[in-house]
């Protein structure tokens, strides 16, 4: 990887993180009936969110401190 490619990757990572945090911090959420999700997390230890790309930002942001992984693909 060239220096320029490494710079572009570094910039994309940090700009993406900044953009995600900026958008997330501007959200105002009203969560209703989250107890079943917590029960599933306690019972199985993990929860998988499935949805379209445009619908994943809010649930991932809401549960960002619970630990977990995200699976991302091009398709």
C-alpha atoms as a PDB file:
ATOM      1  CA  UNK A   1       0.000   0.000   0.000  1.00  0.00           C
ATOM      2  CA  UNK A   2       1.412   3.361  -0.988  1.00  0.00           C
ATOM      3  CA  UNK A   3       1.679   6.328   1.353  1.00  0.00           C
ATOM      4  CA  UNK A   4      -1.172   8.043  -0.465  1.00  0.00           C
ATOM      5  CA  UNK A   5      -3.425   4.986  -0.124  1.00  0.00           C
ATOM      6  CA  UNK A   6      -2.592   4.757   3.589  1.00  0.00           C
ATOM      7  CA  UNK A   7      -3.391   8.465   3.957  1.00  0.00           C
ATOM      8  CA  UNK A   8      -6.742   8.011   2.168  1.00  0.00           C
ATOM      9  CA  UNK A   9      -7.601   5.043   4.421  1.00  0.00           C
ATOM     10  CA  UNK A  10      -6.625   7.024   7.525  1.00  0.00           C
ATOM     11  CA  UNK A  11      -8.667  10.007   6.387  1.00  0.00           C
ATOM     12  CA  UNK A  12     -11.707   7.871   5.496  1.00  0.00           C
ATOM     13  CA  UNK A  13     -11.585   6.132   8.872  1.00  0.00           C
ATOM     14  CA  UNK A  14     -11.364   9.314  10.902  1.00  0.00           C
ATOM     15  CA  UNK A  15     -13.742  11.342   8.754  1.00  0.00           C
ATOM     16  CA  UNK A  16     -16.228   8.462   8.839  1.00  0.00           C
ATOM     17  CA  UNK A  17     -15.956   8.199  12.613  1.00  0.00           C
ATOM     18  CA  UNK A  18     -16.410  11.960  12.993  1.00  0.00           C
ATOM     19  CA  UNK A  19     -19.440  11.946  10.675  1.00  0.00           C
ATOM     20  CA  UNK A  20     -21.037   8.980  12.479  1.00  0.00           C
ATOM     21  CA  UNK A  21     -20.518  10.638  15.878  1.00  0.00           C
ATOM     22  CA  UNK A  22     -21.822  13.978  14.645  1.00  0.00           C
ATOM     23  CA  UNK A  23     -24.994  12.461  13.218  1.00  0.00           C
ATOM     24  CA  UNK A  24     -25.492  10.176  16.218  1.00  0.00           C
ATOM     25  CA  UNK A  25     -25.109  12.997  18.726  1.00  0.00           C
ATOM     26  CA  UNK A  26     -27.777  14.987  16.903  1.00  0.00           C
ATOM     27  CA  UNK A  27     -30.381  12.215  17.339  1.00  0.00           C
ATOM     28  CA  UNK A  28     -33.193  12.452  19.831  1.00  0.00           C
ATOM     29  CA  UNK A  29     -34.550   8.996  20.632  1.00  0.00           C
ATOM     30  CA  UNK A  30     -37.611   7.856  22.486  1.00  0.00           C
ATOM     31  CA  UNK A  31     -37.172   4.146  23.129  1.00  0.00           C
ATOM     32  CA  UNK A  32     -40.310   2.202  23.944  1.00  0.00           C
ATOM     33  CA  UNK A  33     -40.574  -1.407  25.089  1.00  0.00           C
ATOM     34  CA  UNK A  34     -36.849  -2.253  25.152  1.00  0.00           C
ATOM     35  CA  UNK A  35     -37.294  -4.902  27.870  1.00  0.00           C
ATOM     36  CA  UNK A  36     -37.764  -7.909  25.516  1.00  0.00           C
ATOM     37  CA  UNK A  37     -34.465  -7.060  23.850  1.00  0.00           C
ATOM     38  CA  UNK A  38     -32.687  -6.927  27.206  1.00  0.00           C
ATOM     39  CA  UNK A  39     -34.232 -10.280  28.171  1.00  0.00           C
ATOM     40  CA  UNK A  40     -32.902 -11.832  24.945  1.00  0.00           C
ATOM     41  CA  UNK A  41     -29.457 -10.342  25.547  1.00  0.00           C
ATOM     42  CA  UNK A  42     -29.355 -11.756  29.081  1.00  0.00           C
ATOM     43  CA  UNK A  43     -30.629 -15.156  27.969  1.00  0.00           C
ATOM     44  CA  UNK A  44     -28.434 -15.637  24.884  1.00  0.00           C
ATOM     45  CA  UNK A  45     -25.609 -13.153  25.453  1.00  0.00           C
ATOM     46  CA  UNK A  46     -25.968 -11.426  22.076  1.00  0.00           C
ATOM     47  CA  UNK A  47     -28.480  -9.878  19.725  1.00  0.00           C
ATOM     48  CA  UNK A  48     -28.198  -9.601  15.951  1.00  0.00           C
ATOM     49  CA  UNK A  49     -29.738  -6.621  14.176  1.00  0.00           C
ATOM     50  CA  UNK A  50     -30.876  -7.235  10.627  1.00  0.00           C
ATOM     51  CA  UNK A  51     -32.030  -4.520   8.277  1.00  0.00           C
ATOM     52  CA  UNK A  52     -31.261  -2.324   5.334  1.00  0.00           C
ATOM     53  CA  UNK A  53     -28.181  -0.112   5.509  1.00  0.00           C
ATOM     54  CA  UNK A  54     -30.259   3.032   5.831  1.00  0.00           C
ATOM     55  CA  UNK A  55     -32.041   1.611   8.898  1.00  0.00           C
ATOM     56  CA  UNK A  56     -29.058   0.398  10.952  1.00  0.00           C
ATOM     57  CA  UNK A  57     -27.673   3.681  12.278  1.00  0.00           C
ATOM     58  CA  UNK A  58     -30.208   4.204  15.077  1.00  0.00           C
ATOM     59  CA  UNK A  59     -30.241   0.674  16.589  1.00  0.00           C
ATOM     60  CA  UNK A  60     -26.448   0.424  16.409  1.00  0.00           C
ATOM     61  CA  UNK A  61     -26.049   3.821  18.053  1.00  0.00           C
ATOM     62  CA  UNK A  62     -28.583   3.018  20.771  1.00  0.00           C
ATOM     63  CA  UNK A  63     -26.816  -0.252  21.654  1.00  0.00           C
ATOM     64  CA  UNK A  64     -23.233   0.940  21.072  1.00  0.00           C
ATOM     65  CA  UNK A  65     -22.056   0.279  24.657  1.00  0.00           C
ATOM     66  CA  UNK A  66     -23.466  -3.227  24.994  1.00  0.00           C
ATOM     67  CA  UNK A  67     -20.583  -4.817  23.098  1.00  0.00           C
ATOM     68  CA  UNK A  68     -20.834  -6.642  19.850  1.00  0.00           C
ATOM     69  CA  UNK A  69     -19.810  -6.829  16.243  1.00  0.00           C
ATOM     70  CA  UNK A  70     -21.134  -5.571  12.946  1.00  0.00           C
ATOM     71  CA  UNK A  71     -21.094  -7.545   9.713  1.00  0.00           C
ATOM     72  CA  UNK A  72     -20.745  -5.383   6.618  1.00  0.00           C
ATOM     73  CA  UNK A  73     -20.780  -6.346   2.964  1.00  0.00           C
ATOM     74  CA  UNK A  74     -20.904  -4.593  -0.372  1.00  0.00           C
ATOM     75  CA  UNK A  75     -24.257  -6.181  -1.284  1.00  0.00           C
END
